[in-house]
Amino acid sequence: MRKPVLQIHPEVEDADLAEIISYIAADNPSAANSVYEAIRKMFVSLAGDPLMGTDMHPVRGILRGIRMIPITEYRNYLIYYLPLRDNSGVRILYVLHAARDAATFVHDHQRQ
């Protein structure tokens, strides 16, 4: 059996996670580290089971083909991703706080 593929769009680390971790760390650096580790752990889980998130197509057209899953320990943070061909892994596109309008964000920051 092949090792699952985990692709992460560069802006996920450089923008999404940097913003989330910076915001949390301003009040609690330890919590910021815990959130970061939980997100990274979920990335690995998704690579092994690409269909475990929810298909966003029925909700918003611009999110067609994109799946979403909340971080288990921090449900206000959501990962948006694409399963790779033959469900061999995932490509992480966005990590957003649940209060953000994902469709608007995706429209303004289109990533593939």
Protein backbone atom coordinates (compact mmCIF):
# COMPACT_ATOMS: atom_id res chain seq x y z
CA MET A 1 0.00 0.00 0.00
CA ARG A 2 1.30 3.45 -0.95
CA LYS A 3 1.84 6.19 1.58
CA PRO A 4 -0.99 8.77 1.37
CA VAL A 5 -0.07 12.02 -0.41
CA LEU A 6 -0.32 15.28 1.53
CA GLN A 7 -0.05 18.43 -0.55
CA ILE A 8 -0.41 21.80 1.15
CA HIS A 9 -0.93 24.98 -0.83
CA PRO A 10 1.91 27.40 0.11
CA GLU A 11 -0.53 30.09 1.25
CA VAL A 12 -1.97 27.74 3.87
CA GLU A 13 1.27 27.92 5.87
CA ASP A 14 2.31 31.43 4.83
CA ALA A 15 -1.06 33.14 5.28
CA ASP A 16 -3.85 31.06 6.87
CA LEU A 17 -1.90 29.31 9.62
CA ALA A 18 0.38 32.28 10.24
CA GLU A 19 -2.67 34.50 10.82
CA ILE A 20 -4.45 31.98 13.05
CA ILE A 21 -1.40 31.17 15.16
CA SER A 22 -0.36 34.82 15.47
CA TYR A 23 -3.85 35.80 16.64
CA ILE A 24 -4.01 33.05 19.28
CA ALA A 25 -0.38 33.53 20.40
CA ALA A 26 -1.04 37.18 21.24
CA ASP A 27 -3.04 35.95 24.24
CA ASN A 28 -1.73 32.42 24.78
CA PRO A 29 1.39 31.07 23.02
CA SER A 30 0.86 27.58 24.46
CA ALA A 31 -2.68 27.43 23.05
CA ALA A 32 -1.38 28.63 19.67
CA ASN A 33 1.05 25.71 19.58
CA SER A 34 -1.71 23.26 20.53
CA VAL A 35 -4.00 24.55 17.77
CA TYR A 36 -1.16 24.33 15.23
CA GLU A 37 -0.37 20.74 16.22
CA ALA A 38 -4.06 19.76 16.02
CA ILE A 39 -4.33 21.25 12.53
CA ARG A 40 -1.21 19.43 11.32
CA LYS A 41 -2.51 16.18 12.83
CA MET A 42 -5.79 16.60 10.93
CA PHE A 43 -3.86 17.18 7.68
CA VAL A 44 -2.24 13.76 8.09
CA SER A 45 -5.56 12.11 8.96
CA LEU A 46 -7.18 13.60 5.86
CA ALA A 47 -4.40 12.31 3.62
CA GLY A 48 -5.19 8.80 4.82
CA ASP A 49 -8.97 9.21 4.48
CA PRO A 50 -9.70 11.93 1.89
CA LEU A 51 -13.48 11.54 1.94
CA MET A 52 -14.03 12.00 5.66
CA GLY A 53 -14.94 15.69 5.28
CA THR A 54 -18.18 17.17 3.96
CA ASP A 55 -18.64 17.94 0.25
CA MET A 56 -19.26 21.70 0.00
CA HIS A 57 -20.90 21.62 -3.48
CA PRO A 58 -24.51 21.57 -2.26
CA VAL A 59 -23.87 24.62 -0.07
CA ARG A 60 -22.07 27.10 -2.35
CA GLY A 61 -21.25 26.72 -6.05
CA ILE A 62 -17.80 28.31 -5.83
CA LEU A 63 -16.80 25.56 -3.40
CA ARG A 64 -17.61 22.81 -5.94
CA GLY A 65 -15.24 19.87 -5.52
CA ILE A 66 -13.89 21.20 -2.23
CA ARG A 67 -14.47 19.28 0.99
CA MET A 68 -14.45 20.71 4.52
CA ILE A 69 -13.77 19.28 7.95
CA PRO A 70 -13.48 20.94 11.36
CA ILE A 71 -10.43 20.40 13.54
CA THR A 72 -11.56 17.80 16.07
CA GLU A 73 -10.26 19.58 19.19
CA TYR A 74 -10.91 23.13 17.91
CA ARG A 75 -14.16 23.01 15.96
CA ASN A 76 -14.07 26.73 15.11
CA TYR A 77 -11.22 26.05 12.67
CA LEU A 78 -12.08 24.44 9.36
CA ILE A 79 -9.89 22.81 6.72
CA TYR A 80 -10.95 23.09 3.08
CA TYR A 81 -9.30 20.58 0.75
CA LEU A 82 -9.45 18.61 -2.47
CA PRO A 83 -9.14 14.82 -2.56
CA LEU A 84 -6.46 13.76 -5.04
CA ARG A 85 -7.06 11.39 -7.94
CA ASP A 86 -8.09 7.91 -6.82
CA ASN A 87 -8.31 9.25 -3.25
CA SER A 88 -4.55 8.82 -2.96
CA GLY A 89 -4.34 11.81 -0.60
CA VAL A 90 -5.38 15.44 -0.33
CA ARG A 91 -4.40 18.96 -1.31
CA ILE A 92 -5.07 21.39 1.54
CA LEU A 93 -6.33 24.69 0.13
CA TYR A 94 -7.51 26.76 3.12
CA VAL A 95 -7.68 26.76 6.90
CA LEU A 96 -10.23 29.29 8.12
CA HIS A 97 -12.07 30.27 11.27
CA ALA A 98 -15.71 29.18 11.11
CA ALA A 99 -16.89 32.80 11.45
CA ARG A 100 -15.43 33.63 8.02
CA ASP A 101 -17.57 33.37 4.90
CA ALA A 102 -15.71 30.60 3.09
CA ALA A 103 -17.34 31.26 -0.30
CA THR A 104 -16.30 34.93 -0.25
CA PHE A 105 -12.79 34.02 0.91
CA VAL A 106 -12.42 31.39 -1.83
CA HIS A 107 -13.71 33.86 -4.42
CA ASP A 108 -11.11 36.43 -3.31
CA HIS A 109 -8.24 33.93 -2.83
CA GLN A 110 -8.64 31.23 -5.44
CA ARG A 111 -6.20 28.39 -4.85
CA GLN A 112 -5.77 25.11 -6.66
